[in-house]
PDB file of N, CA and C in Angstrom:
ATOM      1  N   UNK A   1      98.251 140.270  62.134  1.00  0.00           N
ATOM      2  CA  UNK A   1      98.524 138.852  62.302  1.00  0.00           C
ATOM      3  C   UNK A   1      99.106 138.271  61.020  1.00  0.00           C
ATOM      4  N   UNK A   2     100.056 137.349  61.230  1.00  0.00           N
ATOM      5  CA  UNK A   2     100.631 136.667  60.076  1.00  0.00           C
ATOM      6  C   UNK A   2      99.754 135.490  59.682  1.00  0.00           C
ATOM      7  N   UNK A   3     100.013 135.003  58.482  1.00  0.00           N
ATOM      8  CA  UNK A   3      99.270 133.841  58.003  1.00  0.00           C
ATOM      9  C   UNK A   3      99.638 132.619  58.853  1.00  0.00           C
ATOM     10  N   UNK A   4      98.635 131.840  59.304  1.00  0.00           N
ATOM     11  CA  UNK A   4      98.870 130.658  60.118  1.00  0.00           C
ATOM     12  C   UNK A   4      99.033 130.968  61.593  1.00  0.00           C
ATOM     13  N   UNK A   5      98.909 132.247  61.956  1.00  0.00           N
ATOM     14  CA  UNK A   5      99.065 132.634  63.346  1.00  0.00           C
ATOM     15  C   UNK A   5      97.691 132.777  63.984  1.00  0.00           C
ATOM     16  N   UNK A   6      97.584 132.305  65.201  1.00  0.00           N
ATOM     17  CA  UNK A   6      96.309 132.397  65.894  1.00  0.00           C
ATOM     18  C   UNK A   6      96.241 133.695  66.684  1.00  0.00           C
ATOM     19  N   UNK A   7      95.100 133.932  67.288  1.00  0.00           N
ATOM     20  CA  UNK A   7      94.895 135.167  68.052  1.00  0.00           C
ATOM     21  C   UNK A   7      95.862 135.284  69.222  1.00  0.00           C
ATOM     22  N   UNK A   8      96.219 134.165  69.850  1.00  0.00           N
ATOM     23  CA  UNK A   8      97.111 134.228  71.006  1.00  0.00           C
ATOM     24  C   UNK A   8      98.585 134.299  70.615  1.00  0.00           C
ATOM     25  N   UNK A   9      98.886 134.389  69.322  1.00  0.00           N
ATOM     26  CA  UNK A   9     100.255 134.582  68.859  1.00  0.00           C
ATOM     27  C   UNK A   9     101.009 133.289  68.587  1.00  0.00           C
ATOM     28  N   UNK A  10     100.374 132.161  68.782  1.00  0.00           N
ATOM     29  CA  UNK A  10     101.033 130.872  68.527  1.00  0.00           C
ATOM     30  C   UNK A  10     100.698 130.416  67.117  1.00  0.00           C
ATOM     31  N   UNK A  11     101.683 129.917  66.432  1.00  0.00           N
ATOM     32  CA  UNK A  11     101.406 129.395  65.100  1.00  0.00           C
ATOM     33  C   UNK A  11     101.271 127.871  65.165  1.00  0.00           C
ATOM     34  N   UNK A  12     101.032 127.274  64.036  1.00  0.00           N
ATOM     35  CA  UNK A  12     100.767 125.838  63.990  1.00  0.00           C
ATOM     36  C   UNK A  12     101.969 125.018  64.452  1.00  0.00           C
ATOM     37  N   UNK A  13     103.176 125.481  64.181  1.00  0.00           N
ATOM     38  CA  UNK A  13     104.376 124.752  64.598  1.00  0.00           C
ATOM     39  C   UNK A  13     104.485 124.706  66.120  1.00  0.00           C
ATOM     40  N   UNK A  14     104.211 125.841  66.757  1.00  0.00           N
ATOM     41  CA  UNK A  14     104.240 125.881  68.222  1.00  0.00           C
ATOM     42  C   UNK A  14     103.200 124.920  68.792  1.00  0.00           C
ATOM     43  N   UNK A  15     102.057 124.900  68.174  1.00  0.00           N
ATOM     44  CA  UNK A  15     100.977 124.029  68.628  1.00  0.00           C
ATOM     45  C   UNK A  15     101.384 122.555  68.488  1.00  0.00           C
ATOM     46  N   UNK A  16     102.026 122.215  67.377  1.00  0.00           N
ATOM     47  CA  UNK A  16     102.489 120.838  67.162  1.00  0.00           C
ATOM     48  C   UNK A  16     103.523 120.450  68.214  1.00  0.00           C
ATOM     49  N   UNK A  17     104.456 121.366  68.508  1.00  0.00           N
ATOM     50  CA  UNK A  17     105.491 121.088  69.507  1.00  0.00           C
ATOM     51  C   UNK A  17     104.863 120.817  70.870  1.00  0.00           C
ATOM     52  N   UNK A  18     103.877 121.624  71.244  1.00  0.00           N
ATOM     53  CA  UNK A  18     103.206 121.443  72.529  1.00  0.00           C
ATOM     54  C   UNK A  18     102.498 120.089  72.583  1.00  0.00           C
ATOM     55  N   UNK A  19     101.839 119.717  71.492  1.00  0.00           N
ATOM     56  CA  UNK A  19     101.146 118.432  71.449  1.00  0.00           C
ATOM     57  C   UNK A  19     102.134 117.277  71.562  1.00  0.00           C
ATOM     58  N   UNK A  20     103.285 117.398  70.890  1.00  0.00           N
ATOM     59  CA  UNK A  20     104.304 116.352  70.966  1.00  0.00           C
ATOM     60  C   UNK A  20     104.851 116.226  72.388  1.00  0.00           C
ATOM     61  N   UNK A  21     105.081 117.365  73.046  1.00  0.00           N
ATOM     62  CA  UNK A  21     105.585 117.337  74.421  1.00  0.00           C
ATOM     63  C   UNK A  21     104.574 116.686  75.352  1.00  0.00           C
ATOM     64  N   UNK A  22     103.296 117.014  75.169  1.00  0.00           N
ATOM     65  CA  UNK A  22     102.249 116.410  75.991  1.00  0.00           C
ATOM     66  C   UNK A  22     102.193 114.900  75.754  1.00  0.00           C
ATOM     67  N   UNK A  23     102.334 114.478  74.507  1.00  0.00           N
ATOM     68  CA  UNK A  23     102.293 113.055  74.170  1.00  0.00           C
ATOM     69  C   UNK A  23     103.481 112.324  74.804  1.00  0.00           C
ATOM     70  N   UNK A  24     104.668 112.937  74.757  1.00  0.00           N
ATOM     71  CA  UNK A  24     105.858 112.325  75.356  1.00  0.00           C
ATOM     72  C   UNK A  24     105.679 112.190  76.870  1.00  0.00           C
ATOM     73  N   UNK A  25     105.108 113.217  77.484  1.00  0.00           N
ATOM     74  CA  UNK A  25     104.880 113.192  78.922  1.00  0.00           C
ATOM     75  C   UNK A  25     103.893 112.080  79.276  1.00  0.00           C
ATOM     76  N   UNK A  26     102.835 111.959  78.479  1.00  0.00           N
ATOM     77  CA  UNK A  26     101.835 110.920  78.689  1.00  0.00           C
ATOM     78  C   UNK A  26     102.468 109.542  78.540  1.00  0.00           C
ATOM     79  N   UNK A  27     103.299 109.377  77.514  1.00  0.00           N
ATOM     80  CA  UNK A  27     103.963 108.096  77.260  1.00  0.00           C
ATOM     81  C   UNK A  27     104.895 107.738  78.408  1.00  0.00           C
ATOM     82  N   UNK A  28     105.590 108.733  78.938  1.00  0.00           N
ATOM     83  CA  UNK A  28     106.487 108.499  80.073  1.00  0.00           C
ATOM     84  C   UNK A  28     105.729 107.993  81.281  1.00  0.00           C
ATOM     85  N   UNK A  29     104.571 108.577  81.540  1.00  0.00           N
ATOM     86  CA  UNK A  29     103.762 108.140  82.666  1.00  0.00           C
ATOM     87  C   UNK A  29     103.253 106.726  82.446  1.00  0.00           C
ATOM     88  N   UNK A  30     102.878 106.399  81.217  1.00  0.00           N
ATOM     89  CA  UNK A  30     102.415 105.048  80.913  1.00  0.00           C
ATOM     90  C   UNK A  30     103.547 104.048  81.115  1.00  0.00           C
ATOM     91  N   UNK A  31     104.747 104.403  80.680  1.00  0.00           N
ATOM     92  CA  UNK A  31     105.887 103.497  80.842  1.00  0.00           C
ATOM     93  C   UNK A  31     106.174 103.243  82.315  1.00  0.00           C
ATOM     94  N   UNK A  32     106.073 104.289  83.148  1.00  0.00           N
ATOM     95  CA  UNK A  32     106.280 104.126  84.587  1.00  0.00           C
ATOM     96  C   UNK A  32     105.240 103.179  85.161  1.00  0.00           C
ATOM     97  N   UNK A  33     103.998 103.371  84.746  1.00  0.00           N
ATOM     98  CA  UNK A  33     102.904 102.538  85.246  1.00  0.00           C
ATOM     99  C   UNK A  33     103.098 101.087  84.808  1.00  0.00           C
ATOM    100  N   UNK A  34     103.464 100.877  83.534  1.00  0.00           N
ATOM    101  CA  UNK A  34     103.703  99.523  83.034  1.00  0.00           C
ATOM    102  C   UNK A  34     104.855  98.858  83.777  1.00  0.00           C
ATOM    103  N   UNK A  35     105.879  99.620  84.098  1.00  0.00           N
ATOM    104  CA  UNK A  35     107.027  99.085  84.825  1.00  0.00           C
ATOM    105  C   UNK A  35     106.611  98.642  86.220  1.00  0.00           C
ATOM    106  N   UNK A  36     105.806  99.468  86.896  1.00  0.00           N
ATOM    107  CA  UNK A  36     105.340  99.115  88.231  1.00  0.00           C
ATOM    108  C   UNK A  36     104.487  97.847  88.193  1.00  0.00           C
ATOM    109  N   UNK A  37     103.607  97.760  87.204  1.00  0.00           N
ATOM    110  CA  UNK A  37     102.755  96.579  87.074  1.00  0.00           C
ATOM    111  C   UNK A  37     103.615  95.338  86.829  1.00  0.00           C
ATOM    112  N   UNK A  38     104.607  95.463  85.942  1.00  0.00           N
ATOM    113  CA  UNK A  38     105.495  94.337  85.638  1.00  0.00           C
ATOM    114  C   UNK A  38     106.247  93.888  86.894  1.00  0.00           C
ATOM    115  N   UNK A  39     106.776  94.856  87.655  1.00  0.00           N
ATOM    116  CA  UNK A  39     107.527  94.517  88.860  1.00  0.00           C
ATOM    117  C   UNK A  39     106.631  93.835  89.883  1.00  0.00           C
ATOM    118  N   UNK A  40     105.400  94.321  90.003  1.00  0.00           N
ATOM    119  CA  UNK A  40     104.459  93.727  90.945  1.00  0.00           C
ATOM    120  C   UNK A  40     104.138  92.285  90.545  1.00  0.00           C
ATOM    121  N   UNK A  41     103.895  92.068  89.259  1.00  0.00           N
ATOM    122  CA  UNK A  41     103.598  90.712  88.774  1.00  0.00           C
ATOM    123  C   UNK A  41     104.781  89.784  88.982  1.00  0.00           C
ATOM    124  N   UNK A  42     105.964  90.289  88.700  1.00  0.00           N
ATOM    125  CA  UNK A  42     107.182  89.486  88.853  1.00  0.00           C
ATOM    126  C   UNK A  42     107.358  89.089  90.320  1.00  0.00           C
ATOM    127  N   UNK A  43     107.140  90.042  91.216  1.00  0.00           N
ATOM    128  CA  UNK A  43     107.252  89.786  92.648  1.00  0.00           C
ATOM    129  C   UNK A  43     106.241  88.726  93.087  1.00  0.00           C
ATOM    130  N   UNK A  44     105.011  88.859  92.619  1.00  0.00           N
ATOM    131  CA  UNK A  44     103.963  87.895  92.951  1.00  0.00           C
ATOM    132  C   UNK A  44     104.327  86.520  92.427  1.00  0.00           C
ATOM    133  N   UNK A  45     104.845  86.465  91.211  1.00  0.00           N
ATOM    134  CA  UNK A  45     105.224  85.185  90.603  1.00  0.00           C
ATOM    135  C   UNK A  45     106.329  84.511  91.419  1.00  0.00           C
ATOM    136  N   UNK A  46     107.289  85.292  91.884  1.00  0.00           N
ATOM    137  CA  UNK A  46     108.387  84.735  92.689  1.00  0.00           C
ATOM    138  C   UNK A  46     107.835  84.156  93.989  1.00  0.00           C
ATOM    139  N   UNK A  47     106.929  84.903  94.637  1.00  0.00           N
ATOM    140  CA  UNK A  47     106.339  84.414  95.884  1.00  0.00           C
ATOM    141  C   UNK A  47     105.564  83.121  95.656  1.00  0.00           C
ATOM    142  N   UNK A  48     104.806  83.053  94.578  1.00  0.00           N
ATOM    143  CA  UNK A  48     104.049  81.844  94.276  1.00  0.00           C
ATOM    144  C   UNK A  48     104.980  80.671  94.015  1.00  0.00           C
ATOM    145  N   UNK A  49     106.072  80.922  93.305  1.00  0.00           N
ATOM    146  CA  UNK A  49     107.043  79.870  93.019  1.00  0.00           C
ATOM    147  C   UNK A  49     107.671  79.353  94.310  1.00  0.00           C
ATOM    148  N   UNK A  50     108.040  80.268  95.201  1.00  0.00           N
ATOM    149  CA  UNK A  50     108.644  79.865  96.466  1.00  0.00           C
ATOM    150  C   UNK A  50     107.644  79.079  97.323  1.00  0.00           C
ATOM    151  N   UNK A  51     106.393  79.530  97.354  1.00  0.00           N
ATOM    152  CA  UNK A  51     105.355  78.816  98.101  1.00  0.00           C
ATOM    153  C   UNK A  51     105.151  77.415  97.530  1.00  0.00           C
ATOM    154  N   UNK A  52     105.155  77.299  96.220  1.00  0.00           N
ATOM    155  CA  UNK A  52     104.981  76.017  95.560  1.00  0.00           C
ATOM    156  C   UNK A  52     106.143  75.078  95.891  1.00  0.00           C
ATOM    157  N   UNK A  53     107.367  75.604  95.849  1.00  0.00           N
ATOM    158  CA  UNK A  53     108.540  74.794  96.173  1.00  0.00           C
ATOM    159  C   UNK A  53     108.476  74.311  97.620  1.00  0.00           C
ATOM    160  N   UNK A  54     108.053  75.199  98.511  1.00  0.00           N
ATOM    161  CA  UNK A  54     107.926  74.851  99.924  1.00  0.00           C
ATOM    162  C   UNK A  54     106.894  73.740 100.102  1.00  0.00           C
ATOM    163  N   UNK A  55     105.767  73.852  99.402  1.00  0.00           N
ATOM    164  CA  UNK A  55     104.708  72.863  99.482  1.00  0.00           C
ATOM    165  C   UNK A  55     105.220  71.498  98.991  1.00  0.00           C
ATOM    166  N   UNK A  56     105.976  71.499  97.900  1.00  0.00           N
ATOM    167  CA  UNK A  56     106.519  70.246  97.357  1.00  0.00           C
ATOM    168  C   UNK A  56     107.486  69.607  98.359  1.00  0.00           C
ATOM    169  N   UNK A  57     108.342  70.410  98.977  1.00  0.00           N
ATOM    170  CA  UNK A  57     109.289  69.877  99.960  1.00  0.00           C
ATOM    171  C   UNK A  57     108.550  69.248 101.132  1.00  0.00           C
ATOM    172  N   UNK A  58     107.497  69.929 101.608  1.00  0.00           N
ATOM    173  CA  UNK A  58     106.712  69.392 102.718  1.00  0.00           C
ATOM    174  C   UNK A  58     106.057  68.076 102.319  1.00  0.00           C
ATOM    175  N   UNK A  59     105.539  68.011 101.121  1.00  0.00           N
ATOM    176  CA  UNK A  59     104.892  66.794 100.638  1.00  0.00           C
ATOM    177  C   UNK A  59     105.912  65.656 100.524  1.00  0.00           C
ATOM    178  N   UNK A  60     107.111  65.980 100.056  1.00  0.00           N
ATOM    179  CA  UNK A  60     108.169  64.975  99.931  1.00  0.00           C
ATOM    180  C   UNK A  60     108.541  64.432 101.315  1.00  0.00           C
ATOM    181  N   UNK A  61     108.615  65.302 102.309  1.00  0.00           N
ATOM    182  CA  UNK A  61     108.948  64.881 103.669  1.00  0.00           C
ATOM    183  C   UNK A  61     107.866  63.966 104.227  1.00  0.00           C
ATOM    184  N   UNK A  62     106.621  64.260 103.966  1.00  0.00           N
ATOM    185  CA  UNK A  62     105.505  63.442 104.438  1.00  0.00           C
ATOM    186  C   UNK A  62     105.567  62.060 103.783  1.00  0.00           C
ATOM    187  N   UNK A  63     105.842  62.021 102.500  1.00  0.00           N
ATOM    188  CA  UNK A  63     105.893  60.752 101.781  1.00  0.00           C
ATOM    189  C   UNK A  63     107.063  59.889 102.241  1.00  0.00           C
ATOM    190  N   UNK A  64     108.182  60.494 102.648  1.00  0.00           N
ATOM    191  CA  UNK A  64     109.348  59.738 103.091  1.00  0.00           C
ATOM    192  C   UNK A  64     109.101  59.062 104.428  1.00  0.00           C
ATOM    193  N   UNK A  65     108.247  59.655 105.253  1.00  0.00           N
ATOM    194  CA  UNK A  65     107.999  59.099 106.593  1.00  0.00           C
ATOM    195  C   UNK A  65     107.156  57.906 106.573  1.00  0.00           C
TER     196      UNK A  65
END
């Protein structure tokens, strides 16, 4: 065995690369999840805004009568 080499033949550099790849994969999944949450919130906000506008229009019609 060489210096810095483990029993399974991987050295510290290989181990670092694997950890970095795992971290990137984890980050990618988090970004996807954050994007979905953002889109869901945005959609909900739009629906609430439209409902609010509809309510105001109905109230305006009632007041005009």
